[in-house]
Amino acid sequence: MLSFIQSLMNDPEVWDVTLLSLKVSGIATLISVLIGLPFGTFLALSKFSGRSVVLTIVNTGMALPPVVVGLAVAMTLWRSGPLGDFNLIYTPAAIVIAQTIIAAPVVTGLTAAALQQLDTRLQLQLLGLGASIPQMILSLWWQARLPLLAALMAGFGSVISEVGASMMVGGNIQGQTRVLTTAIVLETNRGEFERAMLLGALLLMITLLINYALTKIQQGGARQR
């Protein structure tokens, strides 16, 4: 077993797959935060007709089946699709697009929920003290930083472990679009269960370390409150 683990760790393909997993999921999470944080803030602080409908759609999007997202993105990116001319299908960019669609509603919904839990009088107090709208929003984000970090962790967790959409839009091409989750499926289909289990353990370890680091930051912020 030990020799097998060593051979796995010395396999360049394993490291290529791992780095690509971190790259595409990291980029997708970053884009999701750039979309979800301001949009969730807008939904939490604004009052407009149809707001509850939009929140319902966002909350429903938090449970989007990855295979459905993969199918929709694949149909859009296929050569016969509306974005087929960009030749993005079966590329890492296609995986990023699919994972962003999966993670963005998660970040948006949890951001809106976090800010809605704050005392509404805090907004009035900040504005009354002369804060501008951007300054008020930054202050609210700081007050809600613990659940906002939880939203970041949830967004990352929803994509790093995702397999259906990545398989459909990426094609699991060796050296190009194969990530840890699709590699695990491939090894399982080959009957290489030991290798699949070790790749799964590697994925869990990476997820654990990243979430541990984010949790340390989160709890450090909790002690400062």
Protein backbone atom coordinates (compact mmCIF):
# COMPACT_ATOMS: atom_id res chain seq x y z
CA MET A 1 0.00 0.00 0.00
CA LEU A 2 2.78 2.42 0.97
CA SER A 3 4.62 1.81 -2.30
CA PHE A 4 1.38 2.35 -4.21
CA ILE A 5 0.78 5.67 -2.46
CA GLN A 6 4.34 6.74 -3.21
CA SER A 7 3.95 5.83 -6.88
CA LEU A 8 0.69 7.76 -6.98
CA MET A 9 2.30 10.84 -5.45
CA ASN A 10 5.18 10.57 -7.92
CA ASP A 11 2.77 10.41 -10.85
CA PRO A 12 2.93 13.73 -12.79
CA GLU A 13 -0.64 13.22 -14.00
CA VAL A 14 -1.93 13.22 -10.42
CA TRP A 15 -0.35 16.60 -9.78
CA ASP A 16 -1.59 17.97 -13.11
CA VAL A 17 -5.12 16.86 -12.27
CA THR A 18 -4.87 18.29 -8.75
CA LEU A 19 -3.55 21.66 -9.91
CA LEU A 20 -6.22 21.92 -12.61
CA SER A 21 -8.91 21.11 -10.03
CA LEU A 22 -7.67 23.89 -7.75
CA LYS A 23 -7.33 26.29 -10.67
CA VAL A 24 -10.80 25.89 -12.19
CA SER A 25 -12.60 25.66 -8.84
CA GLY A 26 -10.64 28.61 -7.44
CA ILE A 27 -11.45 30.78 -10.45
CA ALA A 28 -15.11 29.72 -10.41
CA THR A 29 -15.34 30.52 -6.69
CA LEU A 30 -13.71 33.92 -7.19
CA ILE A 31 -16.09 34.82 -10.01
CA SER A 32 -19.01 33.60 -7.92
CA VAL A 33 -17.98 35.87 -5.06
CA LEU A 34 -17.60 38.83 -7.44
CA ILE A 35 -21.13 38.15 -8.66
CA GLY A 36 -22.81 36.88 -5.52
CA LEU A 37 -21.50 39.35 -2.96
CA PRO A 38 -22.82 42.54 -4.64
CA PHE A 39 -25.99 40.88 -5.94
CA GLY A 40 -26.77 39.32 -2.57
CA THR A 41 -26.14 42.69 -0.93
CA PHE A 42 -28.51 44.36 -3.37
CA LEU A 43 -31.23 41.80 -2.63
CA ALA A 44 -30.74 42.15 1.12
CA LEU A 45 -30.79 45.94 1.28
CA SER A 46 -33.17 46.88 -1.53
CA LYS A 47 -36.94 46.94 -1.54
CA PHE A 48 -38.56 46.52 -4.95
CA SER A 49 -41.49 44.79 -6.56
CA GLY A 50 -40.74 41.15 -7.28
CA ARG A 51 -37.90 40.94 -4.75
CA SER A 52 -39.36 37.82 -3.13
CA VAL A 53 -39.59 36.17 -6.55
CA VAL A 54 -35.93 36.92 -7.26
CA LEU A 55 -34.93 35.57 -3.84
CA THR A 56 -36.97 32.45 -4.51
CA ILE A 57 -35.16 31.92 -7.82
CA VAL A 58 -31.78 32.44 -6.13
CA ASN A 59 -32.64 30.03 -3.33
CA THR A 60 -33.83 27.48 -5.87
CA GLY A 61 -30.55 27.96 -7.75
CA MET A 62 -28.69 26.91 -4.62
CA ALA A 63 -30.00 23.39 -5.25
CA LEU A 64 -29.38 23.26 -9.00
CA PRO A 65 -28.45 19.71 -10.08
CA PRO A 66 -24.92 19.89 -11.54
CA VAL A 67 -25.85 17.58 -14.43
CA VAL A 68 -28.64 19.96 -15.45
CA VAL A 69 -26.19 22.86 -15.36
CA GLY A 70 -23.73 20.80 -17.38
CA LEU A 71 -26.36 19.98 -19.98
CA ALA A 72 -27.43 23.62 -20.32
CA VAL A 73 -23.83 24.87 -20.62
CA ALA A 74 -22.92 22.10 -23.07
CA MET A 75 -25.88 22.91 -25.30
CA THR A 76 -24.88 26.57 -25.22
CA LEU A 77 -21.22 25.90 -26.04
CA TRP A 78 -21.64 23.16 -28.65
CA ARG A 79 -20.81 24.20 -32.19
CA SER A 80 -24.51 24.33 -33.00
CA GLY A 81 -25.21 26.38 -29.85
CA PRO A 82 -25.40 30.17 -29.52
CA LEU A 83 -21.80 30.40 -28.22
CA GLY A 84 -20.38 27.61 -30.35
CA ASP A 85 -18.16 29.98 -32.34
CA PHE A 86 -16.01 30.58 -29.26
CA ASN A 87 -14.88 26.90 -29.24
CA LEU A 88 -15.10 26.67 -25.44
CA ILE A 89 -16.63 23.21 -25.16
CA TYR A 90 -14.25 20.61 -23.66
CA THR A 91 -11.91 23.27 -22.29
CA PRO A 92 -11.13 24.34 -18.71
CA ALA A 93 -13.03 27.57 -19.42
CA ALA A 94 -16.20 25.55 -19.97
CA ILE A 95 -15.75 23.91 -16.57
CA VAL A 96 -15.26 27.32 -14.97
CA ILE A 97 -18.48 28.57 -16.56
CA ALA A 98 -20.47 25.56 -15.33
CA GLN A 99 -19.00 25.71 -11.83
CA THR A 100 -19.66 29.44 -11.60
CA ILE A 101 -23.32 28.87 -12.41
CA ILE A 102 -23.42 26.27 -9.63
CA ALA A 103 -21.62 28.37 -7.00
CA ALA A 104 -22.98 31.87 -7.72
CA PRO A 105 -26.50 31.21 -6.36
CA VAL A 106 -24.98 29.69 -3.22
CA VAL A 107 -22.87 32.76 -2.53
CA THR A 108 -25.71 35.12 -3.48
CA GLY A 109 -28.30 33.42 -1.30
CA LEU A 110 -26.08 33.09 1.76
CA THR A 111 -24.89 36.71 1.38
CA ALA A 112 -28.46 37.97 1.27
CA ALA A 113 -29.39 35.86 4.30
CA ALA A 114 -26.34 37.05 6.26
CA LEU A 115 -27.05 40.74 5.67
CA GLN A 116 -30.78 40.39 6.31
CA GLN A 117 -29.96 39.13 9.81
CA LEU A 118 -28.31 42.42 10.71
CA ASP A 119 -30.30 45.03 12.60
CA THR A 120 -31.87 47.35 10.03
CA ARG A 121 -31.22 50.28 12.36
CA LEU A 122 -27.50 49.81 11.72
CA GLN A 123 -27.92 51.09 8.17
CA LEU A 124 -29.74 54.20 9.36
CA GLN A 125 -27.15 54.78 12.06
CA LEU A 126 -24.26 54.57 9.59
CA LEU A 127 -25.97 56.90 7.14
CA GLY A 128 -26.86 59.27 9.96
CA LEU A 129 -23.19 59.45 10.93
CA GLY A 130 -22.36 60.64 7.44
CA ALA A 131 -21.24 57.37 5.83
CA SER A 132 -21.66 57.12 2.07
CA ILE A 133 -23.49 54.17 0.53
CA PRO A 134 -20.23 52.32 -0.30
CA GLN A 135 -18.91 52.97 3.22
CA MET A 136 -22.16 51.69 4.72
CA ILE A 137 -22.00 48.52 2.62
CA LEU A 138 -18.39 47.87 3.60
CA SER A 139 -19.32 48.31 7.25
CA LEU A 140 -22.20 45.86 6.87
CA TRP A 141 -19.91 43.34 5.18
CA TRP A 142 -17.50 43.66 8.09
CA GLN A 143 -20.28 43.09 10.60
CA ALA A 144 -21.43 40.02 8.65
CA ARG A 145 -17.92 38.76 7.86
CA LEU A 146 -18.36 35.43 9.65
CA PRO A 147 -21.40 34.21 7.66
CA LEU A 148 -19.91 35.76 4.51
CA LEU A 149 -16.82 33.58 4.96
CA ALA A 150 -19.19 30.65 5.42
CA ALA A 151 -20.77 31.60 2.09
CA LEU A 152 -17.31 31.52 0.49
CA MET A 153 -16.63 28.06 1.93
CA ALA A 154 -20.01 26.80 0.78
CA GLY A 155 -19.43 28.14 -2.73
CA PHE A 156 -16.02 26.51 -2.96
CA GLY A 157 -17.31 23.25 -1.54
CA SER A 158 -20.12 23.11 -4.09
CA VAL A 159 -17.67 23.13 -7.01
CA ILE A 160 -14.49 21.39 -5.84
CA SER A 161 -16.49 18.19 -5.28
CA GLU A 162 -18.70 18.55 -8.36
CA VAL A 163 -18.40 15.92 -11.11
CA GLY A 164 -21.48 15.87 -13.36
CA ALA A 165 -21.13 19.27 -14.99
CA SER A 166 -17.33 18.99 -15.25
CA MET A 167 -17.66 15.68 -17.06
CA MET A 168 -20.30 16.96 -19.48
CA VAL A 169 -18.66 20.24 -20.49
CA GLY A 170 -15.01 19.24 -20.02
CA GLY A 171 -15.04 15.75 -21.49
CA ASN A 172 -12.48 14.40 -18.98
CA ILE A 173 -9.64 14.78 -21.50
CA GLN A 174 -6.27 13.70 -20.17
CA GLY A 175 -3.87 16.60 -19.74
CA GLN A 176 -6.53 19.16 -20.66
CA THR A 177 -9.79 18.96 -18.72
CA ARG A 178 -9.39 16.04 -16.33
CA VAL A 179 -9.91 17.11 -12.71
CA LEU A 180 -9.84 15.08 -9.52
CA THR A 181 -13.54 14.23 -9.47
CA THR A 182 -13.65 13.09 -13.09
CA ALA A 183 -10.39 11.19 -12.60
CA ILE A 184 -12.01 9.33 -9.69
CA VAL A 185 -14.96 8.37 -11.91
CA LEU A 186 -12.59 7.21 -14.65
CA GLU A 187 -10.53 5.02 -12.30
CA THR A 188 -13.71 3.55 -10.82
CA ASN A 189 -15.01 2.66 -14.29
CA ARG A 190 -11.67 1.01 -15.02
CA GLY A 191 -11.97 -1.07 -11.89
CA GLU A 192 -8.95 0.67 -10.33
CA PHE A 193 -10.72 1.08 -7.00
CA GLU A 194 -7.58 1.48 -4.92
CA ARG A 195 -6.36 4.33 -7.11
CA ALA A 196 -9.84 5.89 -7.11
CA MET A 197 -9.98 5.74 -3.31
CA LEU A 198 -6.57 7.37 -2.97
CA LEU A 199 -7.56 10.14 -5.38
CA GLY A 200 -10.71 10.59 -3.32
CA ALA A 201 -8.64 10.81 -0.15
CA LEU A 202 -6.44 13.42 -1.84
CA LEU A 203 -9.52 15.45 -2.78
CA LEU A 204 -10.85 15.26 0.77
CA MET A 205 -7.47 16.30 2.18
CA ILE A 206 -7.26 19.34 -0.10
CA THR A 207 -10.82 20.37 0.75
CA LEU A 208 -10.14 19.88 4.46
CA LEU A 209 -6.97 21.99 4.41
CA ILE A 210 -8.59 24.85 2.49
CA ASN A 211 -11.66 24.88 4.71
CA TYR A 212 -9.47 24.64 7.81
CA ALA A 213 -7.56 27.74 6.71
CA LEU A 214 -10.79 29.63 6.01
CA THR A 215 -12.28 28.47 9.31
CA LYS A 216 -9.22 29.71 11.20
CA ILE A 217 -9.69 33.12 9.56
CA GLN A 218 -13.40 33.02 10.38
CA GLN A 219 -12.92 32.09 14.02
CA GLY A 220 -10.12 34.62 14.37
CA GLY A 221 -12.62 37.23 13.26
CA ALA A 222 -15.15 35.90 15.76
CA ARG A 223 -12.73 36.50 18.64
CA GLN A 224 -12.30 40.11 17.50
CA ARG A 225 -16.00 40.88 17.80
